Structure formats: C-alpha cells, structure tokens
Protein backbone atom coordinates (compact mmCIF):
# COMPACT_ATOMS: atom_id res chain seq x y z
CA MET A 1 9.61 -11.99 -18.38
CA ILE A 2 12.03 -10.30 -16.00
CA ARG A 3 12.81 -12.12 -12.77
CA LEU A 4 14.05 -10.14 -9.80
CA THR A 5 14.57 -11.22 -6.23
CA PRO A 6 11.34 -10.31 -4.42
CA THR A 7 11.59 -7.55 -1.84
CA SER A 8 9.73 -9.57 0.74
CA SER A 9 7.96 -12.83 1.44
CA THR A 10 4.47 -13.35 0.12
CA ALA A 11 3.57 -15.91 2.75
CA ALA A 12 1.10 -13.76 4.68
CA PRO A 13 -2.55 -14.62 4.16
CA GLY A 14 -3.66 -10.98 3.97
CA LEU A 15 -1.66 -9.72 1.01
CA THR A 16 -0.10 -11.41 -1.97
CA MET A 17 2.13 -8.99 -3.79
CA SER A 18 5.45 -7.19 -3.36
CA PHE A 19 5.91 -3.59 -4.41
CA VAL A 20 8.88 -1.25 -4.18
CA MET A 21 8.45 2.49 -4.22
CA ILE A 22 11.20 4.61 -5.80
CA PRO A 23 12.12 7.29 -4.81
CA GLY A 24 10.94 7.66 -1.25
CA THR A 25 11.90 7.31 2.33
CA PRO A 26 14.25 4.48 3.31
CA ALA A 27 11.22 2.72 4.77
CA ALA A 28 9.32 2.87 1.48
CA ALA A 29 10.58 -0.48 0.23
CA THR A 30 9.60 -2.22 3.43
CA THR A 31 6.08 -0.84 3.77
CA MET A 32 4.26 -3.84 2.34
CA SER A 33 6.71 -6.26 3.93
CA ALA A 34 6.04 -4.85 7.37
CA ALA A 35 2.28 -4.82 6.79
CA ARG A 36 2.37 -8.45 5.67
CA THR A 37 4.59 -9.49 8.57
CA SER A 38 2.23 -7.83 11.03
CA ALA A 39 -0.77 -9.57 9.44
CA ALA A 40 0.96 -12.94 9.42
CA ARG A 41 2.05 -12.85 13.05
CA SER A 42 -1.16 -11.46 14.46
CA ARG A 43 -4.21 -13.51 15.37
CA VAL A 44 -6.20 -10.27 15.31
CA PRO A 45 -7.69 -9.52 11.88
CA VAL A 46 -6.03 -6.69 9.96
CA TRP A 47 -8.46 -4.32 8.25
CA GLN A 48 -7.94 -2.76 4.85
CA GLU A 49 -7.93 0.78 6.16
CA THR A 50 -5.17 -0.22 8.60
CA VAL A 51 -3.02 -1.66 5.81
CA VAL A 52 -3.33 1.50 3.70
CA ALA A 53 -2.86 3.82 6.69
CA PHE A 54 0.30 1.89 7.63
CA SER A 55 1.92 3.17 4.43
CA LEU A 56 1.39 6.73 5.63
CA ARG A 57 2.82 6.19 9.10
CA ARG A 58 5.84 8.42 8.41
CA ALA A 59 4.00 11.05 6.40
CA LYS A 60 3.83 14.44 8.00
CA MET A 61 0.07 14.85 8.06
CA GLY A 62 -2.64 15.03 10.67
CA LYS A 63 -5.02 12.20 11.52
CA ALA A 64 -7.91 13.76 9.59
CA GLU A 65 -5.80 14.29 6.47
CA ARG A 66 -4.43 10.74 6.70
CA ALA A 67 -7.94 9.29 7.13
CA ALA A 68 -9.19 11.30 4.13
CA LYS A 69 -6.30 10.06 1.98
CA VAL A 70 -6.96 6.44 3.03
CA ASP A 71 -10.67 6.82 2.22
CA GLU A 72 -9.83 8.36 -1.15
CA VAL A 73 -7.48 5.59 -2.24
CA LEU A 74 -9.83 2.82 -1.03
CA ALA A 75 -12.63 4.43 -3.05
CA GLN A 76 -10.35 4.72 -6.10
CA PHE A 77 -9.94 0.92 -6.09
CA SER A 78 -13.57 0.12 -5.22
CA LEU A 79 -12.58 -1.05 -1.75
CA ALA A 80 -14.26 1.65 0.33
CA GLY A 81 -17.31 -0.47 1.09
CA HIS A 82 -15.03 -3.05 2.67
CA ALA A 83 -12.71 -0.69 4.58
CA GLU A 84 -13.42 -2.32 7.91
CA HIS A 85 -13.39 -5.91 6.64
CA PRO A 86 -10.48 -8.14 7.61
CA CYS A 87 -7.98 -8.58 4.78
CA HIS A 88 -8.15 -12.36 4.92
CA LEU A 89 -11.81 -12.22 3.84
CA LEU A 90 -11.02 -10.40 0.59
CA SER A 91 -10.88 -12.13 -2.78
CA GLY A 92 -7.52 -12.54 -4.50
CA GLY A 93 -8.27 -9.62 -6.79
CA GLN A 94 -9.27 -7.41 -3.87
CA LYS A 95 -6.06 -8.32 -2.05
CA GLN A 96 -4.00 -7.29 -5.07
CA LEU A 97 -5.90 -3.99 -5.29
CA LEU A 98 -5.37 -3.42 -1.58
CA ALA A 99 -1.63 -3.98 -1.93
CA LEU A 100 -1.54 -1.54 -4.83
CA ALA A 101 -3.63 0.99 -2.87
CA ALA A 102 -1.28 0.72 0.10
CA VAL A 103 1.63 1.71 -2.13
CA LEU A 104 -0.10 4.33 -4.26
CA VAL A 105 -1.41 6.20 -1.22
CA THR A 106 2.18 7.45 -0.82
CA ASP A 107 2.23 8.93 -4.36
CA PRO A 108 5.45 7.25 -5.58
CA ASP A 109 7.05 8.37 -8.83
CA ILE A 110 7.91 4.83 -9.94
CA LEU A 111 6.11 1.59 -9.20
CA VAL A 112 7.88 -1.77 -9.35
CA ALA A 113 5.54 -4.78 -9.30
CA ASP A 114 6.72 -8.38 -9.09
CA GLU A 115 4.28 -10.83 -10.74
CA PRO A 116 1.23 -8.65 -9.98
CA THR A 117 -1.29 -10.91 -11.74
CA THR A 118 -0.11 -14.23 -10.33
CA LEU A 119 -2.96 -16.32 -8.89
CA LEU A 120 -5.62 -13.96 -10.26
CA ASP A 121 -8.45 -15.19 -12.45
CA LEU A 122 -8.63 -13.78 -15.97
CA ARG A 123 -11.18 -11.07 -15.06
CA ASN A 124 -9.10 -9.73 -12.16
CA ALA A 125 -5.83 -10.04 -14.08
CA ARG A 126 -7.29 -7.92 -16.88
CA ARG A 127 -8.73 -5.42 -14.42
CA PHE A 128 -5.38 -5.12 -12.67
CA ALA A 129 -3.59 -4.65 -16.00
CA GLU A 130 -6.05 -1.90 -16.94
CA ILE A 131 -5.39 -0.14 -13.64
CA LEU A 132 -1.62 -0.36 -14.17
CA ARG A 133 -1.99 1.13 -17.66
CA GLY A 134 -3.95 4.06 -16.27
CA LEU A 135 -1.49 5.00 -13.55
CA PRO A 136 0.47 8.24 -13.93
CA GLN A 137 3.50 6.56 -12.33
CA GLN A 138 6.19 4.94 -14.39
CA SER A 139 5.78 1.19 -13.87
CA VAL A 140 8.38 -1.54 -13.96
CA VAL A 141 6.65 -4.91 -14.01
CA VAL A 142 8.33 -8.26 -13.46
CA THR A 143 6.11 -10.89 -15.05
CA HIS A 144 5.75 -13.97 -17.21
CA SER A 145 2.36 -12.72 -18.45
CA LEU A 146 2.85 -11.86 -22.09
CA GLU A 147 -0.62 -10.32 -22.30
CA LEU A 148 0.23 -7.92 -19.48
CA VAL A 149 3.28 -6.45 -21.27
CA ALA A 150 1.84 -6.44 -24.80
CA ASP A 151 1.21 -2.68 -24.75
CA PHE A 152 4.17 -1.58 -22.64
CA ASP A 153 6.70 0.88 -24.08
CA ARG A 154 9.65 -1.44 -23.58
CA VAL A 155 10.12 -5.11 -22.69
CA LEU A 156 13.28 -6.78 -21.44
CA VAL A 157 13.72 -10.55 -21.66
CA VAL A 158 16.05 -12.05 -19.06
CA ASP A 159 17.45 -15.55 -19.41
CA GLU A 160 19.74 -17.07 -16.81
CA GLY A 161 20.36 -13.67 -15.23
CA LYS A 162 21.26 -11.87 -18.48
CA VAL A 163 19.23 -9.45 -20.58
CA VAL A 164 18.90 -11.26 -23.91
CA ALA A 165 16.36 -8.92 -25.53
CA ASP A 166 15.48 -5.26 -25.06
CA ASP A 167 12.85 -4.11 -27.54
CA SER A 168 9.30 -2.95 -28.07
CA PRO A 169 6.70 -5.51 -26.92
CA ALA A 170 5.98 -7.45 -30.14
CA PRO A 171 9.58 -8.30 -31.02
CA ALA A 172 10.55 -8.97 -27.39
CA ILE A 173 7.54 -11.25 -26.86
CA GLU A 174 8.30 -13.13 -30.08
CA PHE A 175 11.93 -13.54 -28.95
CA TYR A 176 10.73 -14.86 -25.60
CA ARG A 177 8.41 -17.38 -27.28
CA ARG A 178 11.27 -18.65 -29.47
CA LEU A 179 13.57 -18.77 -26.44
CA ILE A 180 11.28 -21.00 -24.39
CA GLY A 181 10.37 -23.16 -27.38
C-alpha cells in the first residue's frame, strides 16, 4: 500500500528482496545490494552461508563467532540444511528467507521490507508474514498485500506520492479498497 523507491535492483537470480537496516553502519543499506550484485556478476555459485556472512563483514567479531552467528540465523529460518547449496537452487520462499536472514544476522532495530511477499505462493507468503509478525524489530513494510498488513498497528495509504490515509488496518484497508474501486 506504500510505494517507496527500492534501495537496490532485484535483478539478481540469487535473491529477490530489498531490505534497509536502520540504524546501523553506513554500509547497512547496501548489504543486500552488494550481495545481489556479486551473485549476479559471478558465474561461480554463491552459497547461503556466504550471503549471510557477507552481512557481518564489518562486524568486529572473530571467524568462529561469525560462523556461529551465521549457523544460528540459518537454523532460525530452517535453512541450515542447505547452508552450502547455491542460492540459485533455492525456492522463491527460501530465497526470501535467506534475504531476511542476511539482514537479521546484524540485529537491526528497524526492518524496512519492500514487497516482501511478491512472487511467493500463498503458503510461503503466509509463512513469511508469520515470521515478520514474530520479529522483535519494528517493521515498516511496503506492500500491496492487504492480508499482510491486516494485523499491523498502523497502515498508511499512499496515492500519487501523497499519504491519503493513516489509520489502524481495517479503516485504512477499506479506504484503499474504495480508492482503487
């Protein structure tokens, strides 16, 4: 329902979603962009553990601690059994979870997700929504999925670049439905 300019291209075959981490290092917003760019330009397969570890490249931690954190976050999203599989062999839902894992491994305070359920089947879209709901981070989600925002605290409707509704989900969703006819 809110449309923002994406932080990076989603053209890479390995990952399909843009995230921004706030607050964080200046490189935080480019983490997924750089991972995607590397995957897109390389003919060498990129493995899941590499994508997640890339997010920690500037963290001040030893190799063992970094590896443990990567293993922990991959397990949290049921991706540990595929840690050494190339990203391009993952399902769409697994790619979305990997993108989320690569951001959450840095423990951001706020998570901004742009169309996180796009191109997912209903089962994976619902699973992803459930994961978002369970996160301790404040989440800002840019989406056209009314089901996804139905239990959010606040929903903004943007039309032609202007906020035209700012309300709890039910009234904002009803306004959006009337707006689009």
